[in-house]
Amino acid sequence: MSGCKSAQEISSQYNASDAEVVFISIDNLEYRVHSYMLKANSAVFRDLFGELSSKSAFQPIRLDATSADLSCFLNFMYQSHPTLPSSWTQAEVVSELCDRDNAISSRRELCLL
């Protein structure tokens, strides 16, 4: 049936059952993340999510990034020692995500690598 959606595959690393934010990569991998981690690292996310309570949730947000690039970007948000981008191309994409989402501390960390 064309109106039915298939089940979304969920990231094995970013799959918090209590997450309020869901990102979907261009290759349809779902990331369930906490708004407080995003807001702590990005003025854009602070404005977007405002005073979001843990009981409320947004509609899934589709991002123009592959699952590998989105994982790398989220690693900079979540980890104190994130995994390095696997290529210059990935570093550029992650840097663009940091710029777009005004994730200044993540961008600074990426530049130091």
PDB file of N, CA and C in Angstrom:
ATOM      1  N   MET A   1       0.843  -1.165   0.000  1.00  0.00           N
ATOM      2  CA  MET A   1       0.000   0.000   0.000  1.00  0.00           C
ATOM      3  C   MET A   1       0.893   1.235   0.000  1.00  0.00           C
ATOM      4  N   SER A   2       0.651   2.182  -0.877  1.00  0.00           N
ATOM      5  CA  SER A   2       1.526   3.335  -1.022  1.00  0.00           C
ATOM      6  C   SER A   2       1.421   4.322   0.133  1.00  0.00           C
ATOM      7  N   GLY A   3       0.340   4.346   0.870  1.00  0.00           N
ATOM      8  CA  GLY A   3       0.171   5.284   1.970  1.00  0.00           C
ATOM      9  C   GLY A   3       0.867   4.862   3.248  1.00  0.00           C
ATOM     10  N   CYS A   4       1.363   3.631   3.302  1.00  0.00           N
ATOM     11  CA  CYS A   4       2.013   3.131   4.517  1.00  0.00           C
ATOM     12  C   CYS A   4       3.499   3.436   4.473  1.00  0.00           C
ATOM     13  N   LYS A   5       4.031   3.844   5.592  1.00  0.00           N
ATOM     14  CA  LYS A   5       5.462   4.087   5.702  1.00  0.00           C
ATOM     15  C   LYS A   5       6.117   2.864   6.313  1.00  0.00           C
ATOM     16  N   SER A   6       7.303   2.534   5.797  1.00  0.00           N
ATOM     17  CA  SER A   6       8.037   1.426   6.394  1.00  0.00           C
ATOM     18  C   SER A   6       8.663   1.908   7.699  1.00  0.00           C
ATOM     19  N   ALA A   7       8.980   0.962   8.553  1.00  0.00           N
ATOM     20  CA  ALA A   7       9.585   1.305   9.839  1.00  0.00           C
ATOM     21  C   ALA A   7      10.930   1.975   9.599  1.00  0.00           C
ATOM     22  N   GLN A   8      11.189   3.030  10.347  1.00  0.00           N
ATOM     23  CA  GLN A   8      12.427   3.790  10.238  1.00  0.00           C
ATOM     24  C   GLN A   8      13.533   3.053  10.980  1.00  0.00           C
ATOM     25  N   GLU A   9      14.702   2.933  10.358  1.00  0.00           N
ATOM     26  CA  GLU A   9      15.847   2.349  11.049  1.00  0.00           C
ATOM     27  C   GLU A   9      16.392   3.386  12.026  1.00  0.00           C
ATOM     28  N   ILE A  10      16.788   2.950  13.205  1.00  0.00           N
ATOM     29  CA  ILE A  10      17.223   3.850  14.267  1.00  0.00           C
ATOM     30  C   ILE A  10      18.714   3.665  14.529  1.00  0.00           C
ATOM     31  N   SER A  11      19.404   4.771  14.713  1.00  0.00           N
ATOM     32  CA  SER A  11      20.830   4.751  15.030  1.00  0.00           C
ATOM     33  C   SER A  11      21.084   3.896  16.269  1.00  0.00           C
ATOM     34  N   SER A  12      22.116   3.078  16.218  1.00  0.00           N
ATOM     35  CA  SER A  12      22.448   2.263  17.393  1.00  0.00           C
ATOM     36  C   SER A  12      23.084   3.110  18.493  1.00  0.00           C
ATOM     37  N   GLN A  13      23.698   4.224  18.129  1.00  0.00           N
ATOM     38  CA  GLN A  13      24.362   5.078  19.110  1.00  0.00           C
ATOM     39  C   GLN A  13      23.435   6.153  19.673  1.00  0.00           C
ATOM     40  N   TYR A  14      22.613   6.742  18.821  1.00  0.00           N
ATOM     41  CA  TYR A  14      21.735   7.841  19.242  1.00  0.00           C
ATOM     42  C   TYR A  14      20.287   7.366  19.170  1.00  0.00           C
ATOM     43  N   ASN A  15      19.866   6.679  20.220  1.00  0.00           N
ATOM     44  CA  ASN A  15      18.535   6.066  20.226  1.00  0.00           C
ATOM     45  C   ASN A  15      17.859   6.197  21.589  1.00  0.00           C
ATOM     46  N   ALA A  16      18.039   7.335  22.225  1.00  0.00           N
ATOM     47  CA  ALA A  16      17.500   7.541  23.576  1.00  0.00           C
ATOM     48  C   ALA A  16      15.979   7.432  23.586  1.00  0.00           C
ATOM     49  N   SER A  17      15.463   6.563  24.424  1.00  0.00           N
ATOM     50  CA  SER A  17      14.009   6.368  24.492  1.00  0.00           C
ATOM     51  C   SER A  17      13.300   7.589  25.066  1.00  0.00           C
ATOM     52  N   ASP A  18      14.023   8.412  25.822  1.00  0.00           N
ATOM     53  CA  ASP A  18      13.420   9.612  26.405  1.00  0.00           C
ATOM     54  C   ASP A  18      13.775  10.888  25.635  1.00  0.00           C
ATOM     55  N   ALA A  19      14.301  10.733  24.421  1.00  0.00           N
ATOM     56  CA  ALA A  19      14.688  11.887  23.609  1.00  0.00           C
ATOM     57  C   ALA A  19      13.462  12.666  23.140  1.00  0.00           C
ATOM     58  N   GLU A  20      13.614  13.991  23.057  1.00  0.00           N
ATOM     59  CA  GLU A  20      12.526  14.828  22.560  1.00  0.00           C
ATOM     60  C   GLU A  20      12.730  15.214  21.103  1.00  0.00           C
ATOM     61  N   VAL A  21      13.942  15.024  20.582  1.00  0.00           N
ATOM     62  CA  VAL A  21      14.266  15.452  19.227  1.00  0.00           C
ATOM     63  C   VAL A  21      14.632  14.233  18.388  1.00  0.00           C
ATOM     64  N   VAL A  22      14.082  14.199  17.186  1.00  0.00           N
ATOM     65  CA  VAL A  22      14.398  13.123  16.246  1.00  0.00           C
ATOM     66  C   VAL A  22      14.886  13.758  14.952  1.00  0.00           C
ATOM     67  N   PHE A  23      16.111  13.421  14.555  1.00  0.00           N
ATOM     68  CA  PHE A  23      16.656  13.818  13.266  1.00  0.00           C
ATOM     69  C   PHE A  23      16.601  12.606  12.352  1.00  0.00           C
ATOM     70  N   ILE A  24      16.418  12.849  11.053  1.00  0.00           N
ATOM     71  CA  ILE A  24      16.456  11.777  10.062  1.00  0.00           C
ATOM     72  C   ILE A  24      17.454  12.183   8.986  1.00  0.00           C
ATOM     73  N   SER A  25      18.423  11.312   8.737  1.00  0.00           N
ATOM     74  CA  SER A  25      19.449  11.577   7.724  1.00  0.00           C
ATOM     75  C   SER A  25      18.870  11.354   6.330  1.00  0.00           C
ATOM     76  N   ILE A  26      19.624  11.782   5.302  1.00  0.00           N
ATOM     77  CA  ILE A  26      19.128  11.609   3.933  1.00  0.00           C
ATOM     78  C   ILE A  26      19.066  10.139   3.534  1.00  0.00           C
ATOM     79  N   ASP A  27      19.804   9.278   4.239  1.00  0.00           N
ATOM     80  CA  ASP A  27      19.707   7.849   3.971  1.00  0.00           C
ATOM     81  C   ASP A  27      18.774   7.155   4.972  1.00  0.00           C
ATOM     82  N   ASN A  28      17.866   7.958   5.564  1.00  0.00           N
ATOM     83  CA  ASN A  28      16.737   7.483   6.382  1.00  0.00           C
ATOM     84  C   ASN A  28      17.106   6.769   7.677  1.00  0.00           C
ATOM     85  N   LEU A  29      18.185   7.190   8.308  1.00  0.00           N
ATOM     86  CA  LEU A  29      18.506   6.670   9.632  1.00  0.00           C
ATOM     87  C   LEU A  29      17.999   7.682  10.654  1.00  0.00           C
ATOM     88  N   GLU A  30      17.301   7.191  11.647  1.00  0.00           N
ATOM     89  CA  GLU A  30      16.687   8.050  12.663  1.00  0.00           C
ATOM     90  C   GLU A  30      17.614   8.190  13.868  1.00  0.00           C
ATOM     91  N   TYR A  31      17.748   9.420  14.343  1.00  0.00           N
ATOM     92  CA  TYR A  31      18.576   9.745  15.508  1.00  0.00           C
ATOM     93  C   TYR A  31      17.675  10.347  16.568  1.00  0.00           C
ATOM     94  N   ARG A  32      17.615   9.725  17.725  1.00  0.00           N
ATOM     95  CA  ARG A  32      16.802  10.215  18.842  1.00  0.00           C
ATOM     96  C   ARG A  32      17.751  10.828  19.865  1.00  0.00           C
ATOM     97  N   VAL A  33      17.691  12.156  19.980  1.00  0.00           N
ATOM     98  CA  VAL A  33      18.654  12.873  20.815  1.00  0.00           C
ATOM     99  C   VAL A  33      17.947  13.803  21.797  1.00  0.00           C
ATOM    100  N   HIS A  34      18.679  14.198  22.818  1.00  0.00           N
ATOM    101  CA  HIS A  34      18.135  15.077  23.851  1.00  0.00           C
ATOM    102  C   HIS A  34      18.320  16.538  23.461  1.00  0.00           C
ATOM    103  N   SER A  35      17.279  17.315  23.624  1.00  0.00           N
ATOM    104  CA  SER A  35      17.357  18.732  23.264  1.00  0.00           C
ATOM    105  C   SER A  35      18.379  19.473  24.116  1.00  0.00           C
ATOM    106  N   TYR A  36      18.549  19.069  25.372  1.00  0.00           N
ATOM    107  CA  TYR A  36      19.477  19.808  26.235  1.00  0.00           C
ATOM    108  C   TYR A  36      20.910  19.728  25.732  1.00  0.00           C
ATOM    109  N   MET A  37      21.297  18.612  25.106  1.00  0.00           N
ATOM    110  CA  MET A  37      22.648  18.501  24.556  1.00  0.00           C
ATOM    111  C   MET A  37      22.806  19.416  23.346  1.00  0.00           C
ATOM    112  N   LEU A  38      21.765  19.487  22.529  1.00  0.00           N
ATOM    113  CA  LEU A  38      21.808  20.351  21.352  1.00  0.00           C
ATOM    114  C   LEU A  38      21.822  21.817  21.770  1.00  0.00           C
ATOM    115  N   LYS A  39      20.965  22.170  22.729  1.00  0.00           N
ATOM    116  CA  LYS A  39      20.882  23.560  23.191  1.00  0.00           C
ATOM    117  C   LYS A  39      22.173  23.996  23.875  1.00  0.00           C
ATOM    118  N   ALA A  40      22.849  23.081  24.535  1.00  0.00           N
ATOM    119  CA  ALA A  40      24.100  23.422  25.221  1.00  0.00           C
ATOM    120  C   ALA A  40      25.213  23.776  24.244  1.00  0.00           C
ATOM    121  N   ASN A  41      25.090  23.308  22.999  1.00  0.00           N
ATOM    122  CA  ASN A  41      26.153  23.496  22.016  1.00  0.00           C
ATOM    123  C   ASN A  41      25.793  24.396  20.850  1.00  0.00           C
ATOM    124  N   SER A  42      24.572  24.914  20.806  1.00  0.00           N
ATOM    125  CA  SER A  42      24.146  25.657  19.623  1.00  0.00           C
ATOM    126  C   SER A  42      23.100  26.711  19.952  1.00  0.00           C
ATOM    127  N   ALA A  43      23.396  27.951  19.582  1.00  0.00           N
ATOM    128  CA  ALA A  43      22.421  29.035  19.759  1.00  0.00           C
ATOM    129  C   ALA A  43      21.188  28.797  18.891  1.00  0.00           C
ATOM    130  N   VAL A  44      21.380  28.244  17.708  1.00  0.00           N
ATOM    131  CA  VAL A  44      20.242  27.955  16.827  1.00  0.00           C
ATOM    132  C   VAL A  44      19.315  26.939  17.484  1.00  0.00           C
ATOM    133  N   PHE A  45      19.876  25.881  18.051  1.00  0.00           N
ATOM    134  CA  PHE A  45      19.044  24.882  18.726  1.00  0.00           C
ATOM    135  C   PHE A  45      18.403  25.456  19.985  1.00  0.00           C
ATOM    136  N   ARG A  46      19.115  26.337  20.694  1.00  0.00           N
ATOM    137  CA  ARG A  46      18.506  26.978  21.869  1.00  0.00           C
ATOM    138  C   ARG A  46      17.267  27.762  21.461  1.00  0.00           C
ATOM    139  N   ASP A  47      17.362  28.518  20.370  1.00  0.00           N
ATOM    140  CA  ASP A  47      16.208  29.286  19.886  1.00  0.00           C
ATOM    141  C   ASP A  47      15.111  28.370  19.360  1.00  0.00           C
ATOM    142  N   LEU A  48      15.490  27.347  18.617  1.00  0.00           N
ATOM    143  CA  LEU A  48      14.519  26.441  18.005  1.00  0.00           C
ATOM    144  C   LEU A  48      13.732  25.658  19.042  1.00  0.00           C
ATOM    145  N   PHE A  49      14.420  25.133  20.025  1.00  0.00           N
ATOM    146  CA  PHE A  49      13.764  24.271  20.995  1.00  0.00           C
ATOM    147  C   PHE A  49      13.289  25.013  22.238  1.00  0.00           C
ATOM    148  N   GLY A  50      13.793  26.211  22.472  1.00  0.00           N
ATOM    149  CA  GLY A  50      13.336  27.033  23.585  1.00  0.00           C
ATOM    150  C   GLY A  50      13.298  26.287  24.897  1.00  0.00           C
ATOM    151  N   GLU A  51      12.169  26.345  25.524  1.00  0.00           N
ATOM    152  CA  GLU A  51      11.981  25.712  26.835  1.00  0.00           C
ATOM    153  C   GLU A  51      11.274  24.364  26.693  1.00  0.00           C
ATOM    154  N   LEU A  52      11.678  23.595  25.740  1.00  0.00           N
ATOM    155  CA  LEU A  52      11.078  22.287  25.493  1.00  0.00           C
ATOM    156  C   LEU A  52      11.182  21.421  26.738  1.00  0.00           C
ATOM    157  N   SER A  53      10.061  20.900  27.164  1.00  0.00           N
ATOM    158  CA  SER A  53      10.089  20.003  28.325  1.00  0.00           C
ATOM    159  C   SER A  53      10.351  18.580  27.856  1.00  0.00           C
ATOM    160  N   SER A  54      10.794  17.748  28.757  1.00  0.00           N
ATOM    161  CA  SER A  54      11.102  16.365  28.394  1.00  0.00           C
ATOM    162  C   SER A  54       9.853  15.579  28.015  1.00  0.00           C
ATOM    163  N   LYS A  55       8.681  16.105  28.348  1.00  0.00           N
ATOM    164  CA  LYS A  55       7.442  15.402  28.026  1.00  0.00           C
ATOM    165  C   LYS A  55       6.909  15.761  26.643  1.00  0.00           C
ATOM    166  N   SER A  56       7.423  16.832  26.055  1.00  0.00           N
ATOM    167  CA  SER A  56       6.953  17.214  24.730  1.00  0.00           C
ATOM    168  C   SER A  56       7.975  16.788  23.689  1.00  0.00           C
ATOM    169  N   ALA A  57       7.527  16.724  22.466  1.00  0.00           N
ATOM    170  CA  ALA A  57       8.414  16.302  21.393  1.00  0.00           C
ATOM    171  C   ALA A  57       8.041  17.022  20.110  1.00  0.00           C
ATOM    172  N   PHE A  58       9.022  17.172  19.244  1.00  0.00           N
ATOM    173  CA  PHE A  58       8.812  17.781  17.948  1.00  0.00           C
ATOM    174  C   PHE A  58       8.595  16.698  16.902  1.00  0.00           C
ATOM    175  N   GLN A  59       8.094  17.120  15.758  1.00  0.00           N
ATOM    176  CA  GLN A  59       8.031  16.222  14.610  1.00  0.00           C
ATOM    177  C   GLN A  59       9.473  15.914  14.193  1.00  0.00           C
ATOM    178  N   PRO A  60       9.716  14.746  13.617  1.00  0.00           N
ATOM    179  CA  PRO A  60      11.072  14.436  13.142  1.00  0.00           C
ATOM    180  C   PRO A  60      11.577  15.516  12.182  1.00  0.00           C
ATOM    181  N   ILE A  61      12.858  15.812  12.272  1.00  0.00           N
ATOM    182  CA  ILE A  61      13.491  16.841  11.451  1.00  0.00           C
ATOM    183  C   ILE A  61      14.411  16.157  10.456  1.00  0.00           C
ATOM    184  N   ARG A  62      14.116  16.326   9.167  1.00  0.00           N
ATOM    185  CA  ARG A  62      14.965  15.757   8.116  1.00  0.00           C
ATOM    186  C   ARG A  62      16.125  16.701   7.855  1.00  0.00           C
ATOM    187  N   LEU A  63      17.334  16.146   7.864  1.00  0.00           N
ATOM    188  CA  LEU A  63      18.533  16.939   7.622  1.00  0.00           C
ATOM    189  C   LEU A  63      19.202  16.492   6.333  1.00  0.00           C
ATOM    190  N   ASP A  64      19.840  17.439   5.666  1.00  0.00           N
ATOM    191  CA  ASP A  64      20.540  17.160   4.421  1.00  0.00           C
ATOM    192  C   ASP A  64      21.966  16.706   4.739  1.00  0.00           C
ATOM    193  N   ALA A  65      22.059  15.536   5.366  1.00  0.00           N
ATOM    194  CA  ALA A  65      23.347  14.959   5.747  1.00  0.00           C
ATOM    195  C   ALA A  65      23.200  13.445   5.770  1.00  0.00           C
ATOM    196  N   THR A  66      24.260  12.758   5.387  1.00  0.00           N
ATOM    197  CA  THR A  66      24.238  11.296   5.452  1.00  0.00           C
ATOM    198  C   THR A  66      24.287  10.863   6.912  1.00  0.00           C
ATOM    199  N   SER A  67      23.989   9.614   7.151  1.00  0.00           N
ATOM    200  CA  SER A  67      24.045   9.104   8.523  1.00  0.00           C
ATOM    201  C   SER A  67      25.467   9.182   9.081  1.00  0.00           C
ATOM    202  N   ALA A  68      26.476   8.929   8.253  1.00  0.00           N
ATOM    203  CA  ALA A  68      27.865   9.022   8.724  1.00  0.00           C
ATOM    204  C   ALA A  68      28.204  10.452   9.134  1.00  0.00           C
ATOM    205  N   ASP A  69      27.776  11.427   8.320  1.00  0.00           N
ATOM    206  CA  ASP A  69      28.051  12.831   8.630  1.00  0.00           C
ATOM    207  C   ASP A  69      27.264  13.297   9.846  1.00  0.00           C
ATOM    208  N   LEU A  70      26.010  12.888   9.943  1.00  0.00           N
ATOM    209  CA  LEU A  70      25.179  13.285  11.080  1.00  0.00           C
ATOM    210  C   LEU A  70      25.709  12.667  12.376  1.00  0.00           C
ATOM    211  N   SER A  71      26.150  11.422  12.315  1.00  0.00           N
ATOM    212  CA  SER A  71      26.754  10.784  13.494  1.00  0.00           C
ATOM    213  C   SER A  71      27.986  11.550  13.945  1.00  0.00           C
ATOM    214  N   CYS A  72      28.827  11.929  13.003  1.00  0.00           N
ATOM    215  CA  CYS A  72      30.041  12.677  13.324  1.00  0.00           C
ATOM    216  C   CYS A  72      29.678  14.021  13.953  1.00  0.00           C
ATOM    217  N   PHE A  73      28.698  14.716  13.393  1.00  0.00           N
ATOM    218  CA  PHE A  73      28.233  15.999  13.934  1.00  0.00           C
ATOM    219  C   PHE A  73      27.721  15.831  15.361  1.00  0.00           C
ATOM    220  N   LEU A  74      26.890  14.823  15.584  1.00  0.00           N
ATOM    221  CA  LEU A  74      26.343  14.597  16.926  1.00  0.00           C
ATOM    222  C   LEU A  74      27.426  14.180  17.915  1.00  0.00           C
ATOM    223  N   ASN A  75      28.440  13.475  17.427  1.00  0.00           N
ATOM    224  CA  ASN A  75      29.560  13.123  18.302  1.00  0.00           C
ATOM    225  C   ASN A  75      30.206  14.378  18.884  1.00  0.00           C
ATOM    226  N   PHE A  76      30.307  15.438  18.081  1.00  0.00           N
ATOM    227  CA  PHE A  76      30.882  16.689  18.575  1.00  0.00           C
ATOM    228  C   PHE A  76      29.981  17.337  19.613  1.00  0.00           C
ATOM    229  N   MET A  77      28.687  17.089  19.529  1.00  0.00           N
ATOM    230  CA  MET A  77      27.748  17.643  20.503  1.00  0.00           C
ATOM    231  C   MET A  77      27.762  16.840  21.807  1.00  0.00           C
ATOM    232  N   TYR A  78      27.916  15.540  21.692  1.00  0.00           N
ATOM    233  CA  TYR A  78      27.742  14.642  22.835  1.00  0.00           C
ATOM    234  C   TYR A  78      29.035  14.222  23.526  1.00  0.00           C
ATOM    235  N   GLN A  79      30.121  14.138  22.810  1.00  0.00           N
ATOM    236  CA  GLN A  79      31.333  13.528  23.362  1.00  0.00           C
ATOM    237  C   GLN A  79      32.414  14.561  23.652  1.00  0.00           C
ATOM    238  N   SER A  80      33.134  14.369  24.734  1.00  0.00           N
ATOM    239  CA  SER A  80      34.232  15.284  25.047  1.00  0.00           C
ATOM    240  C   SER A  80      35.443  15.026  24.149  1.00  0.00           C
ATOM    241  N   HIS A  81      35.581  13.801  23.652  1.00  0.00           N
ATOM    242  CA  HIS A  81      36.659  13.456  22.722  1.00  0.00           C
ATOM    243  C   HIS A  81      36.040  12.740  21.518  1.00  0.00           C
ATOM    244  N   PRO A  82      35.446  13.511  20.600  1.00  0.00           N
ATOM    245  CA  PRO A  82      34.727  12.888  19.484  1.00  0.00           C
ATOM    246  C   PRO A  82      35.658  12.196  18.489  1.00  0.00           C
ATOM    247  N   THR A  83      35.085  11.250  17.777  1.00  0.00           N
ATOM    248  CA  THR A  83      35.792  10.562  16.709  1.00  0.00           C
ATOM    249  C   THR A  83      36.060  11.555  15.586  1.00  0.00           C
ATOM    250  N   LEU A  84      37.253  11.501  15.030  1.00  0.00           N
ATOM    251  CA  LEU A  84      37.604  12.406  13.936  1.00  0.00           C
ATOM    252  C   LEU A  84      36.793  12.080  12.688  1.00  0.00           C
ATOM    253  N   PRO A  85      36.506  13.098  11.870  1.00  0.00           N
ATOM    254  CA  PRO A  85      35.872  12.815  10.580  1.00  0.00           C
ATOM    255  C   PRO A  85      36.756  11.856   9.788  1.00  0.00           C
ATOM    256  N   SER A  86      36.129  11.004   8.990  1.00  0.00           N
ATOM    257  CA  SER A  86      36.879   9.974   8.267  1.00  0.00           C
ATOM    258  C   SER A  86      37.539  10.491   6.996  1.00  0.00           C
ATOM    259  N   SER A  87      37.171  11.702   6.554  1.00  0.00           N
ATOM    260  CA  SER A  87      37.750  12.269   5.334  1.00  0.00           C
ATOM    261  C   SER A  87      37.627  13.791   5.382  1.00  0.00           C
ATOM    262  N   TRP A  88      38.346  14.456   4.467  1.00  0.00           N
ATOM    263  CA  TRP A  88      38.218  15.914   4.375  1.00  0.00           C
ATOM    264  C   TRP A  88      36.801  16.296   3.966  1.00  0.00           C
ATOM    265  N   THR A  89      36.211  15.500   3.098  1.00  0.00           N
ATOM    266  CA  THR A  89      34.838  15.778   2.667  1.00  0.00           C
ATOM    267  C   THR A  89      33.894  15.735   3.856  1.00  0.00           C
ATOM    268  N   GLN A  90      34.038  14.723   4.700  1.00  0.00           N
ATOM    269  CA  GLN A  90      33.185  14.638   5.881  1.00  0.00           C
ATOM    270  C   GLN A  90      33.465  15.799   6.829  1.00  0.00           C
ATOM    271  N   ALA A  91      34.717  16.186   6.974  1.00  0.00           N
ATOM    272  CA  ALA A  91      35.054  17.328   7.832  1.00  0.00           C
ATOM    273  C   ALA A  91      34.384  18.598   7.318  1.00  0.00           C
ATOM    274  N   GLU A  92      34.337  18.769   5.992  1.00  0.00           N
ATOM    275  CA  GLU A  92      33.664  19.935   5.406  1.00  0.00           C
ATOM    276  C   GLU A  92      32.169  19.914   5.691  1.00  0.00           C
ATOM    277  N   VAL A  93      31.545  18.748   5.529  1.00  0.00           N
ATOM    278  CA  VAL A  93      30.105  18.632   5.778  1.00  0.00           C
ATOM    279  C   VAL A  93      29.795  18.911   7.243  1.00  0.00           C
ATOM    280  N   VAL A  94      30.569  18.329   8.148  1.00  0.00           N
ATOM    281  CA  VAL A  94      30.345  18.545   9.577  1.00  0.00           C
ATOM    282  C   VAL A  94      30.577  20.013   9.924  1.00  0.00           C
ATOM    283  N   SER A  95      31.599  20.620   9.328  1.00  0.00           N
ATOM    284  CA  SER A  95      31.859  22.040   9.554  1.00  0.00           C
ATOM    285  C   SER A  95      30.680  22.891   9.079  1.00  0.00           C
ATOM    286  N   GLU A  96      30.105  22.534   7.924  1.00  0.00           N
ATOM    287  CA  GLU A  96      28.932  23.255   7.416  1.00  0.00           C
ATOM    288  C   GLU A  96      27.735  23.083   8.350  1.00  0.00           C
ATOM    289  N   LEU A  97      27.539  21.879   8.888  1.00  0.00           N
ATOM    290  CA  LEU A  97      26.454  21.666   9.854  1.00  0.00           C
ATOM    291  C   LEU A  97      26.679  22.525  11.098  1.00  0.00           C
ATOM    292  N   CYS A  98      27.925  22.589  11.554  1.00  0.00           N
ATOM    293  CA  CYS A  98      28.240  23.423  12.720  1.00  0.00           C
ATOM    294  C   CYS A  98      27.958  24.891  12.422  1.00  0.00           C
ATOM    295  N   ASP A  99      28.347  25.343  11.230  1.00  0.00           N
ATOM    296  CA  ASP A  99      28.088  26.735  10.848  1.00  0.00           C
ATOM    297  C   ASP A  99      26.597  27.008  10.767  1.00  0.00           C
ATOM    298  N   ARG A 100      25.875  26.136  10.102  1.00  0.00           N
ATOM    299  CA  ARG A 100      24.439  26.329   9.900  1.00  0.00           C
ATOM    300  C   ARG A 100      23.694  26.326  11.227  1.00  0.00           C
ATOM    301  N   ASP A 101      24.101  25.460  12.123  1.00  0.00           N
ATOM    302  CA  ASP A 101      23.410  25.351  13.404  1.00  0.00           C
ATOM    303  C   ASP A 101      24.094  26.164  14.497  1.00  0.00           C
ATOM    304  N   ASN A 102      25.063  26.996  14.077  1.00  0.00           N
ATOM    305  CA  ASN A 102      25.760  27.895  14.996  1.00  0.00           C
ATOM    306  C   ASN A 102      26.310  27.135  16.202  1.00  0.00           C
ATOM    307  N   ALA A 103      26.859  25.970  15.918  1.00  0.00           N
ATOM    308  CA  ALA A 103      27.457  25.143  16.972  1.00  0.00           C
ATOM    309  C   ALA A 103      28.925  25.545  17.106  1.00  0.00           C
ATOM    310  N   ILE A 104      29.130  26.718  17.669  1.00  0.00           N
ATOM    311  CA  ILE A 104      30.455  27.332  17.725  1.00  0.00           C
ATOM    312  C   ILE A 104      31.479  26.448  18.426  1.00  0.00           C
ATOM    313  N   SER A 105      31.147  25.925  19.591  1.00  0.00           N
ATOM    314  CA  SER A 105      32.130  25.118  20.317  1.00  0.00           C
ATOM    315  C   SER A 105      32.498  23.869  19.529  1.00  0.00           C
ATOM    316  N   SER A 106      31.528  23.288  18.828  1.00  0.00           N
ATOM    317  CA  SER A 106      31.817  22.096  18.021  1.00  0.00           C
ATOM    318  C   SER A 106      32.704  22.455  16.845  1.00  0.00           C
ATOM    319  N   ARG A 107      32.442  23.593  16.224  1.00  0.00           N
ATOM    320  CA  ARG A 107      33.250  24.024  15.084  1.00  0.00           C
ATOM    321  C   ARG A 107      34.682  24.294  15.537  1.00  0.00           C
ATOM    322  N   ARG A 108      34.835  24.941  16.670  1.00  0.00           N
ATOM    323  CA  ARG A 108      36.166  25.228  17.193  1.00  0.00           C
ATOM    324  C   ARG A 108      36.916  23.924  17.445  1.00  0.00           C
ATOM    325  N   GLU A 109      36.240  22.946  18.021  1.00  0.00           N
ATOM    326  CA  GLU A 109      36.843  21.638  18.293  1.00  0.00           C
ATOM    327  C   GLU A 109      37.270  20.973  16.989  1.00  0.00           C
ATOM    328  N   LEU A 110      36.426  21.058  15.964  1.00  0.00           N
ATOM    329  CA  LEU A 110      36.726  20.454  14.670  1.00  0.00           C
ATOM    330  C   LEU A 110      37.956  21.109  14.054  1.00  0.00           C
ATOM    331  N   CYS A 111      38.073  22.418  14.176  1.00  0.00           N
ATOM    332  CA  CYS A 111      39.210  23.138  13.606  1.00  0.00           C
ATOM    333  C   CYS A 111      40.519  22.792  14.298  1.00  0.00           C
ATOM    334  N   LEU A 112      40.439  22.403  15.556  1.00  0.00           N
ATOM    335  CA  LEU A 112      41.647  22.076  16.301  1.00  0.00           C
ATOM    336  C   LEU A 112      42.172  20.684  15.984  1.00  0.00           C
ATOM    337  N   LEU A 113      41.361  19.866  15.324  1.00  0.00           N
ATOM    338  CA  LEU A 113      41.770  18.483  15.068  1.00  0.00           C
ATOM    339  C   LEU A 113      42.771  18.371  13.965  1.00  0.00           C
TER     340      LEU A 113
END
